[in-house]
PDB file of all heavy atoms in Angstrom:
ATOM      1  N   LEU A   1       0.830  -1.210   0.000  1.00  0.00           N
ATOM      2  CA  LEU A   1       0.000   0.000   0.000  1.00  0.00           C
ATOM      3  C   LEU A   1       0.864   1.259   0.000  1.00  0.00           C
ATOM      4  O   LEU A   1       0.558   2.234  -0.689  1.00  0.00           O
ATOM      5  CB  LEU A   1      -0.934  -0.008   1.213  1.00  0.00           C
ATOM      6  CG  LEU A   1      -1.827   1.218   1.373  1.00  0.00           C
ATOM      7  CD1 LEU A   1      -2.708   1.422   0.138  1.00  0.00           C
ATOM      8  CD2 LEU A   1      -2.696   1.108   2.632  1.00  0.00           C
ATOM      9  N   ARG A   2       1.971   1.213   0.789  1.00  0.00           N
ATOM     10  CA  ARG A   2       2.875   2.381   0.800  1.00  0.00           C
ATOM     11  C   ARG A   2       3.473   2.617  -0.579  1.00  0.00           C
ATOM     12  O   ARG A   2       3.603   3.754  -1.037  1.00  0.00           O
ATOM     13  CB  ARG A   2       3.981   2.167   1.850  1.00  0.00           C
ATOM     14  CG  ARG A   2       3.515   2.344   3.286  1.00  0.00           C
ATOM     15  CD  ARG A   2       4.711   2.446   4.244  1.00  0.00           C
ATOM     16  NE  ARG A   2       5.507   1.220   4.258  1.00  0.00           N
ATOM     17  CZ  ARG A   2       5.280   0.185   5.071  1.00  0.00           C
ATOM     18  NH1 ARG A   2       4.258   0.208   5.920  1.00  0.00           N
ATOM     19  NH2 ARG A   2       6.066  -0.882   5.042  1.00  0.00           N
ATOM     20  N   GLN A   3       3.827   1.537  -1.249  1.00  0.00           N
ATOM     21  CA  GLN A   3       4.377   1.671  -2.600  1.00  0.00           C
ATOM     22  C   GLN A   3       3.338   2.251  -3.569  1.00  0.00           C
ATOM     23  O   GLN A   3       3.646   3.137  -4.384  1.00  0.00           O
ATOM     24  CB  GLN A   3       4.847   0.306  -3.105  1.00  0.00           C
ATOM     25  CG  GLN A   3       6.106  -0.198  -2.426  1.00  0.00           C
ATOM     26  CD  GLN A   3       6.529  -1.561  -2.967  1.00  0.00           C
ATOM     27  OE1 GLN A   3       5.771  -2.230  -3.671  1.00  0.00           O
ATOM     28  NE2 GLN A   3       7.745  -1.990  -2.624  1.00  0.00           N
ATOM     29  N   VAL A   4       2.109   1.743  -3.465  1.00  0.00           N
ATOM     30  CA  VAL A   4       1.039   2.231  -4.343  1.00  0.00           C
ATOM     31  C   VAL A   4       0.754   3.700  -4.067  1.00  0.00           C
ATOM     32  O   VAL A   4       0.590   4.513  -4.997  1.00  0.00           O
ATOM     33  CB  VAL A   4      -0.244   1.377  -4.156  1.00  0.00           C
ATOM     34  CG1 VAL A   4      -1.446   2.078  -4.816  1.00  0.00           C
ATOM     35  CG2 VAL A   4      -0.048   0.002  -4.755  1.00  0.00           C
ATOM     36  N   LEU A   5       0.697   4.057  -2.780  1.00  0.00           N
ATOM     37  CA  LEU A   5       0.413   5.448  -2.418  1.00  0.00           C
ATOM     38  C   LEU A   5       1.495   6.380  -2.966  1.00  0.00           C
ATOM     39  O   LEU A   5       1.199   7.448  -3.522  1.00  0.00           O
ATOM     40  CB  LEU A   5       0.311   5.582  -0.902  1.00  0.00           C
ATOM     41  CG  LEU A   5      -0.058   6.963  -0.362  1.00  0.00           C
ATOM     42  CD1 LEU A   5      -1.411   7.425  -0.904  1.00  0.00           C
ATOM     43  CD2 LEU A   5      -0.073   6.962   1.162  1.00  0.00           C
ATOM     44  N   GLU A   6       2.751   5.964  -2.844  1.00  0.00           N
ATOM     45  CA  GLU A   6       3.855   6.777  -3.359  1.00  0.00           C
ATOM     46  C   GLU A   6       3.766   6.911  -4.887  1.00  0.00           C
ATOM     47  O   GLU A   6       3.987   7.990  -5.453  1.00  0.00           O
ATOM     48  CB  GLU A   6       5.182   6.136  -2.964  1.00  0.00           C
ATOM     49  CG  GLU A   6       6.402   6.940  -3.395  1.00  0.00           C
ATOM     50  CD  GLU A   6       7.706   6.267  -2.970  1.00  0.00           C
ATOM     51  OE1 GLU A   6       7.670   5.368  -2.098  1.00  0.00           O
ATOM     52  OE2 GLU A   6       8.755   6.639  -3.524  1.00  0.00           O
ATOM     53  N   PHE A   7       3.412   5.815  -5.546  1.00  0.00           N
ATOM     54  CA  PHE A   7       3.275   5.808  -7.010  1.00  0.00           C
ATOM     55  C   PHE A   7       2.146   6.738  -7.450  1.00  0.00           C
ATOM     56  O   PHE A   7       2.296   7.518  -8.417  1.00  0.00           O
ATOM     57  CB  PHE A   7       3.014   4.374  -7.485  1.00  0.00           C
ATOM     58  CG  PHE A   7       2.829   4.256  -8.969  1.00  0.00           C
ATOM     59  CD1 PHE A   7       3.908   4.322  -9.839  1.00  0.00           C
ATOM     60  CD2 PHE A   7       1.553   4.067  -9.503  1.00  0.00           C
ATOM     61  CE1 PHE A   7       3.732   4.202 -11.212  1.00  0.00           C
ATOM     62  CE2 PHE A   7       1.371   3.963 -10.881  1.00  0.00           C
ATOM     63  CZ  PHE A   7       2.468   4.022 -11.740  1.00  0.00           C
ATOM     64  N   VAL A   8       1.013   6.684  -6.757  1.00  0.00           N
ATOM     65  CA  VAL A   8      -0.135   7.531  -7.115  1.00  0.00           C
ATOM     66  C   VAL A   8       0.180   8.996  -6.868  1.00  0.00           C
ATOM     67  O   VAL A   8      -0.179   9.873  -7.676  1.00  0.00           O
ATOM     68  CB  VAL A   8      -1.388   7.090  -6.333  1.00  0.00           C
ATOM     69  CG1 VAL A   8      -2.525   8.092  -6.529  1.00  0.00           C
ATOM     70  CG2 VAL A   8      -1.835   5.706  -6.788  1.00  0.00           C
ATOM     71  N   GLN A   9       0.862   9.297  -5.741  1.00  0.00           N
ATOM     72  CA  GLN A   9       1.232  10.688  -5.450  1.00  0.00           C
ATOM     73  C   GLN A   9       2.127  11.267  -6.552  1.00  0.00           C
ATOM     74  O   GLN A   9       1.927  12.392  -7.011  1.00  0.00           O
ATOM     75  CB  GLN A   9       1.958  10.763  -4.098  1.00  0.00           C
ATOM     76  CG  GLN A   9       1.068  10.583  -2.891  1.00  0.00           C
ATOM     77  CD  GLN A   9       1.868  10.542  -1.598  1.00  0.00           C
ATOM     78  OE1 GLN A   9       3.056  10.161  -1.588  1.00  0.00           O
ATOM     79  NE2 GLN A   9       1.231  10.904  -0.493  1.00  0.00           N
ATOM     80  N   LYS A  10       3.094  10.474  -6.968  1.00  0.00           N
ATOM     81  CA  LYS A  10       4.023  10.930  -8.008  1.00  0.00           C
ATOM     82  C   LYS A  10       3.288  11.139  -9.337  1.00  0.00           C
ATOM     83  O   LYS A  10       3.482  12.164 -10.020  1.00  0.00           O
ATOM     84  CB  LYS A  10       5.142   9.903  -8.174  1.00  0.00           C
ATOM     85  CG  LYS A  10       6.197  10.309  -9.201  1.00  0.00           C
ATOM     86  CD  LYS A  10       7.304   9.263  -9.292  1.00  0.00           C
ATOM     87  CE  LYS A  10       8.350   9.649 -10.327  1.00  0.00           C
ATOM     88  NZ  LYS A  10       9.425   8.615 -10.438  1.00  0.00           N
ATOM     89  N   GLY A  11       2.441  10.180  -9.695  1.00  0.00           N
ATOM     90  CA  GLY A  11       1.699  10.305 -10.952  1.00  0.00           C
ATOM     91  C   GLY A  11       0.751  11.497 -10.943  1.00  0.00           C
ATOM     92  O   GLY A  11       0.616  12.224 -11.942  1.00  0.00           O
ATOM     93  N   ALA A  12       0.074  11.719  -9.803  1.00  0.00           N
ATOM     94  CA  ALA A  12      -0.868  12.844  -9.700  1.00  0.00           C
ATOM     95  C   ALA A  12      -0.126  14.166  -9.809  1.00  0.00           C
ATOM     96  O   ALA A  12      -0.600  15.114 -10.467  1.00  0.00           O
ATOM     97  CB  ALA A  12      -1.623  12.766  -8.377  1.00  0.00           C
ATOM     98  N   ASP A  13       1.038  14.232  -9.162  1.00  0.00           N
ATOM     99  CA  ASP A  13       1.819  15.478  -9.211  1.00  0.00           C
ATOM    100  C   ASP A  13       2.245  15.789 -10.640  1.00  0.00           C
ATOM    101  O   ASP A  13       2.182  16.933 -11.108  1.00  0.00           O
ATOM    102  CB  ASP A  13       3.034  15.336  -8.295  1.00  0.00           C
ATOM    103  CG  ASP A  13       3.736  16.667  -8.056  1.00  0.00           C
ATOM    104  OD1 ASP A  13       3.095  17.724  -8.263  1.00  0.00           O
ATOM    105  OD2 ASP A  13       4.914  16.669  -7.669  1.00  0.00           O
ATOM    106  N   GLN A  14       2.677  14.767 -11.372  1.00  0.00           N
ATOM    107  CA  GLN A  14       3.109  14.960 -12.758  1.00  0.00           C
ATOM    108  C   GLN A  14       1.931  15.339 -13.662  1.00  0.00           C
ATOM    109  O   GLN A  14       2.087  16.125 -14.605  1.00  0.00           O
ATOM    110  CB  GLN A  14       3.782  13.689 -13.281  1.00  0.00           C
ATOM    111  CG  GLN A  14       5.132  13.396 -12.647  1.00  0.00           C
ATOM    112  CD  GLN A  14       5.706  12.066 -13.101  1.00  0.00           C
ATOM    113  OE1 GLN A  14       4.989  11.213 -13.636  1.00  0.00           O
ATOM    114  NE2 GLN A  14       7.004  11.867 -12.876  1.00  0.00           N
ATOM    115  N   THR A  15       0.764  14.784 -13.375  1.00  0.00           N
ATOM    116  CA  THR A  15      -0.397  15.011 -14.244  1.00  0.00           C
ATOM    117  C   THR A  15      -1.119  16.307 -13.917  1.00  0.00           C
ATOM    118  O   THR A  15      -1.469  17.085 -14.814  1.00  0.00           O
ATOM    119  CB  THR A  15      -1.381  13.835 -14.131  1.00  0.00           C
ATOM    120  OG1 THR A  15      -0.695  12.627 -14.451  1.00  0.00           O
ATOM    121  CG2 THR A  15      -2.566  14.019 -15.079  1.00  0.00           C
ATOM    122  N   LEU A  16      -1.350  16.531 -12.630  1.00  0.00           N
ATOM    123  CA  LEU A  16      -2.159  17.685 -12.211  1.00  0.00           C
ATOM    124  C   LEU A  16      -1.324  18.909 -11.844  1.00  0.00           C
ATOM    125  O   LEU A  16      -1.854  20.008 -11.720  1.00  0.00           O
ATOM    126  CB  LEU A  16      -3.035  17.297 -11.005  1.00  0.00           C
ATOM    127  CG  LEU A  16      -4.043  16.160 -11.246  1.00  0.00           C
ATOM    128  CD1 LEU A  16      -4.738  15.786  -9.939  1.00  0.00           C
ATOM    129  CD2 LEU A  16      -5.068  16.561 -12.294  1.00  0.00           C
ATOM    130  N   GLY A  17      -0.024  18.687 -11.650  1.00  0.00           N
ATOM    131  CA  GLY A  17       0.818  19.817 -11.245  1.00  0.00           C
ATOM    132  C   GLY A  17       0.818  20.035  -9.741  1.00  0.00           C
ATOM    133  O   GLY A  17       1.447  20.969  -9.241  1.00  0.00           O
ATOM    134  N   HIS A  18       0.137  19.191  -8.999  1.00  0.00           N
ATOM    135  CA  HIS A  18       0.129  19.233  -7.531  1.00  0.00           C
ATOM    136  C   HIS A  18      -0.388  17.886  -7.030  1.00  0.00           C
ATOM    137  O   HIS A  18      -0.915  17.081  -7.803  1.00  0.00           O
ATOM    138  CB  HIS A  18      -0.771  20.359  -7.012  1.00  0.00           C
ATOM    139  CG  HIS A  18      -2.216  20.137  -7.286  1.00  0.00           C
ATOM    140  ND1 HIS A  18      -2.795  20.380  -8.517  1.00  0.00           N
ATOM    141  CD2 HIS A  18      -3.223  19.638  -6.490  1.00  0.00           C
ATOM    142  CE1 HIS A  18      -4.080  20.067  -8.475  1.00  0.00           C
ATOM    143  NE2 HIS A  18      -4.370  19.617  -7.261  1.00  0.00           N
ATOM    144  N   ILE A  19      -0.236  17.646  -5.741  1.00  0.00           N
ATOM    145  CA  ILE A  19      -0.754  16.409  -5.149  1.00  0.00           C
ATOM    146  C   ILE A  19      -2.065  16.723  -4.455  1.00  0.00           C
ATOM    147  O   ILE A  19      -2.100  17.457  -3.458  1.00  0.00           O
ATOM    148  CB  ILE A  19       0.256  15.811  -4.135  1.00  0.00           C
ATOM    149  CG1 ILE A  19       1.581  15.491  -4.847  1.00  0.00           C
ATOM    150  CG2 ILE A  19      -0.324  14.546  -3.487  1.00  0.00           C
ATOM    151  CD1 ILE A  19       2.670  14.997  -3.907  1.00  0.00           C
ATOM    152  N   PRO A  20      -3.172  16.203  -4.974  1.00  0.00           N
ATOM    153  CA  PRO A  20      -4.469  16.469  -4.367  1.00  0.00           C
ATOM    154  C   PRO A  20      -4.651  15.602  -3.122  1.00  0.00           C
ATOM    155  O   PRO A  20      -3.827  14.727  -2.829  1.00  0.00           O
ATOM    156  CB  PRO A  20      -5.437  16.060  -5.473  1.00  0.00           C
ATOM    157  CG  PRO A  20      -4.739  14.943  -6.174  1.00  0.00           C
ATOM    158  CD  PRO A  20      -3.277  15.296  -6.131  1.00  0.00           C
ATOM    159  N   PRO A  21      -5.753  15.808  -2.380  1.00  0.00           N
ATOM    160  CA  PRO A  21      -6.053  14.882  -1.268  1.00  0.00           C
ATOM    161  C   PRO A  21      -6.196  13.459  -1.806  1.00  0.00           C
ATOM    162  O   PRO A  21      -6.849  13.248  -2.826  1.00  0.00           O
ATOM    163  CB  PRO A  21      -7.387  15.403  -0.733  1.00  0.00           C
ATOM    164  CG  PRO A  21      -7.427  16.839  -1.151  1.00  0.00           C
ATOM    165  CD  PRO A  21      -6.722  16.899  -2.477  1.00  0.00           C
ATOM    166  N   ILE A  22      -5.552  12.499  -1.148  1.00  0.00           N
ATOM    167  CA  ILE A  22      -5.594  11.097  -1.569  1.00  0.00           C
ATOM    168  C   ILE A  22      -6.088  10.240  -0.399  1.00  0.00           C
ATOM    169  O   ILE A  22      -5.575  10.352   0.720  1.00  0.00           O
ATOM    170  CB  ILE A  22      -4.213  10.610  -2.046  1.00  0.00           C
ATOM    171  CG1 ILE A  22      -3.709  11.471  -3.224  1.00  0.00           C
ATOM    172  CG2 ILE A  22      -4.264   9.143  -2.462  1.00  0.00           C
ATOM    173  CD1 ILE A  22      -2.310  11.103  -3.712  1.00  0.00           C
ATOM    174  N   PHE A  23      -7.056   9.395  -0.677  1.00  0.00           N
ATOM    175  CA  PHE A  23      -7.639   8.541   0.354  1.00  0.00           C
ATOM    176  C   PHE A  23      -7.521   7.086  -0.075  1.00  0.00           C
ATOM    177  O   PHE A  23      -7.871   6.730  -1.211  1.00  0.00           O
ATOM    178  CB  PHE A  23      -9.112   8.895   0.590  1.00  0.00           C
ATOM    179  CG  PHE A  23      -9.299  10.310   1.086  1.00  0.00           C
ATOM    180  CD1 PHE A  23      -9.472  11.345   0.181  1.00  0.00           C
ATOM    181  CD2 PHE A  23      -9.262  10.588   2.435  1.00  0.00           C
ATOM    182  CE1 PHE A  23      -9.627  12.648   0.618  1.00  0.00           C
ATOM    183  CE2 PHE A  23      -9.415  11.888   2.894  1.00  0.00           C
ATOM    184  CZ  PHE A  23      -9.588  12.920   1.983  1.00  0.00           C
ATOM    185  N   SER A  24      -7.007   6.257   0.841  1.00  0.00           N
ATOM    186  CA  SER A  24      -6.893   4.819   0.604  1.00  0.00           C
ATOM    187  C   SER A  24      -8.043   4.135   1.345  1.00  0.00           C
ATOM    188  O   SER A  24      -8.123   4.205   2.583  1.00  0.00           O
ATOM    189  CB  SER A  24      -5.557   4.290   1.122  1.00  0.00           C
ATOM    190  OG  SER A  24      -4.476   4.997   0.531  1.00  0.00           O
ATOM    191  N   VAL A  25      -8.940   3.484   0.598  1.00  0.00           N
ATOM    192  CA  VAL A  25     -10.141   2.919   1.219  1.00  0.00           C
ATOM    193  C   VAL A  25     -10.384   1.492   0.737  1.00  0.00           C
ATOM    194  O   VAL A  25      -9.810   1.056  -0.281  1.00  0.00           O
ATOM    195  CB  VAL A  25     -11.391   3.778   0.909  1.00  0.00           C
ATOM    196  CG1 VAL A  25     -11.189   5.213   1.359  1.00  0.00           C
ATOM    197  CG2 VAL A  25     -11.741   3.714  -0.576  1.00  0.00           C
ATOM    198  N   SER A  26     -11.253   0.815   1.488  1.00  0.00           N
ATOM    199  CA  SER A  26     -11.736  -0.501   1.074  1.00  0.00           C
ATOM    200  C   SER A  26     -13.257  -0.497   1.201  1.00  0.00           C
ATOM    201  O   SER A  26     -13.795  -0.600   2.311  1.00  0.00           O
ATOM    202  CB  SER A  26     -11.132  -1.624   1.942  1.00  0.00           C
ATOM    203  OG  SER A  26     -11.760  -2.856   1.652  1.00  0.00           O
ATOM    204  N   ALA A  27     -13.918  -0.340   0.068  1.00  0.00           N
ATOM    205  CA  ALA A  27     -15.382  -0.359   0.086  1.00  0.00           C
ATOM    206  C   ALA A  27     -15.893  -1.714   0.558  1.00  0.00           C
ATOM    207  O   ALA A  27     -16.931  -1.804   1.228  1.00  0.00           O
ATOM    208  CB  ALA A  27     -15.905  -0.039  -1.317  1.00  0.00           C
ATOM    209  N   ARG A  28     -15.147  -2.780   0.241  1.00  0.00           N
ATOM    210  CA  ARG A  28     -15.569  -4.124   0.654  1.00  0.00           C
ATOM    211  C   ARG A  28     -15.605  -4.235   2.171  1.00  0.00           C
ATOM    212  O   ARG A  28     -16.562  -4.765   2.743  1.00  0.00           O
ATOM    213  CB  ARG A  28     -14.629  -5.165   0.048  1.00  0.00           C
ATOM    214  CG  ARG A  28     -14.974  -6.607   0.468  1.00  0.00           C
ATOM    215  CD  ARG A  28     -13.967  -7.582  -0.090  1.00  0.00           C
ATOM    216  NE  ARG A  28     -14.007  -7.599  -1.558  1.00  0.00           N
ATOM    217  CZ  ARG A  28     -13.166  -8.302  -2.303  1.00  0.00           C
ATOM    218  NH1 ARG A  28     -12.198  -9.017  -1.718  1.00  0.00           N
ATOM    219  NH2 ARG A  28     -13.243  -8.274  -3.624  1.00  0.00           N
ATOM    220  N   ARG A  29     -14.562  -3.762   2.867  1.00  0.00           N
ATOM    221  CA  ARG A  29     -14.533  -3.826   4.331  1.00  0.00           C
ATOM    222  C   ARG A  29     -15.678  -3.016   4.935  1.00  0.00           C
ATOM    223  O   ARG A  29     -16.280  -3.417   5.934  1.00  0.00           O
ATOM    224  CB  ARG A  29     -13.197  -3.308   4.851  1.00  0.00           C
ATOM    225  CG  ARG A  29     -12.030  -4.269   4.627  1.00  0.00           C
ATOM    226  CD  ARG A  29     -10.710  -3.631   5.010  1.00  0.00           C
ATOM    227  NE  ARG A  29      -9.574  -4.542   4.790  1.00  0.00           N
ATOM    228  CZ  ARG A  29      -8.294  -4.184   4.847  1.00  0.00           C
ATOM    229  NH1 ARG A  29      -7.983  -2.912   5.115  1.00  0.00           N
ATOM    230  NH2 ARG A  29      -7.347  -5.061   4.640  1.00  0.00           N
ATOM    231  N   ALA A  30     -15.965  -1.874   4.308  1.00  0.00           N
ATOM    232  CA  ALA A  30     -17.081  -1.069   4.823  1.00  0.00           C
ATOM    233  C   ALA A  30     -18.385  -1.832   4.688  1.00  0.00           C
ATOM    234  O   ALA A  30     -19.228  -1.825   5.612  1.00  0.00           O
ATOM    235  CB  ALA A  30     -17.167   0.253   4.074  1.00  0.00           C
ATOM    236  N   ARG A  31     -18.589  -2.523   3.569  1.00  0.00           N
ATOM    237  CA  ARG A  31     -19.816  -3.284   3.368  1.00  0.00           C
ATOM    238  C   ARG A  31     -19.875  -4.497   4.290  1.00  0.00           C
ATOM    239  O   ARG A  31     -20.955  -4.999   4.598  1.00  0.00           O
ATOM    240  CB  ARG A  31     -19.904  -3.744   1.897  1.00  0.00           C
ATOM    241  CG  ARG A  31     -19.922  -2.613   0.885  1.00  0.00           C
ATOM    242  CD  ARG A  31     -21.161  -1.710   1.016  1.00  0.00           C
ATOM    243  NE  ARG A  31     -22.364  -2.427   0.679  1.00  0.00           N
ATOM    244  CZ  ARG A  31     -23.405  -2.604   1.501  1.00  0.00           C
ATOM    245  NH1 ARG A  31     -23.393  -2.071   2.716  1.00  0.00           N
ATOM    246  NH2 ARG A  31     -24.461  -3.281   1.126  1.00  0.00           N
ATOM    247  N   GLN A  32     -18.687  -4.918   4.760  1.00  0.00           N
ATOM    248  CA  GLN A  32     -18.631  -6.040   5.704  1.00  0.00           C
ATOM    249  C   GLN A  32     -18.792  -5.589   7.151  1.00  0.00           C
ATOM    250  O   GLN A  32     -18.717  -6.391   8.069  1.00  0.00           O
ATOM    251  CB  GLN A  32     -17.304  -6.801   5.530  1.00  0.00           C
ATOM    252  CG  GLN A  32     -17.188  -7.538   4.201  1.00  0.00           C
ATOM    253  CD  GLN A  32     -15.797  -8.095   3.958  1.00  0.00           C
ATOM    254  OE1 GLN A  32     -14.824  -7.731   4.648  1.00  0.00           O
ATOM    255  NE2 GLN A  32     -15.675  -8.978   2.953  1.00  0.00           N
TER     256      GLN A  32
END
């Protein structure tokens, strides 16, 4: 998850020009 979060932050910064709010969630766990 840490690797994925770092990857998404880097990609978002390159695409959007900044790092927006990022949330890591599990809809399945919530439904459980």
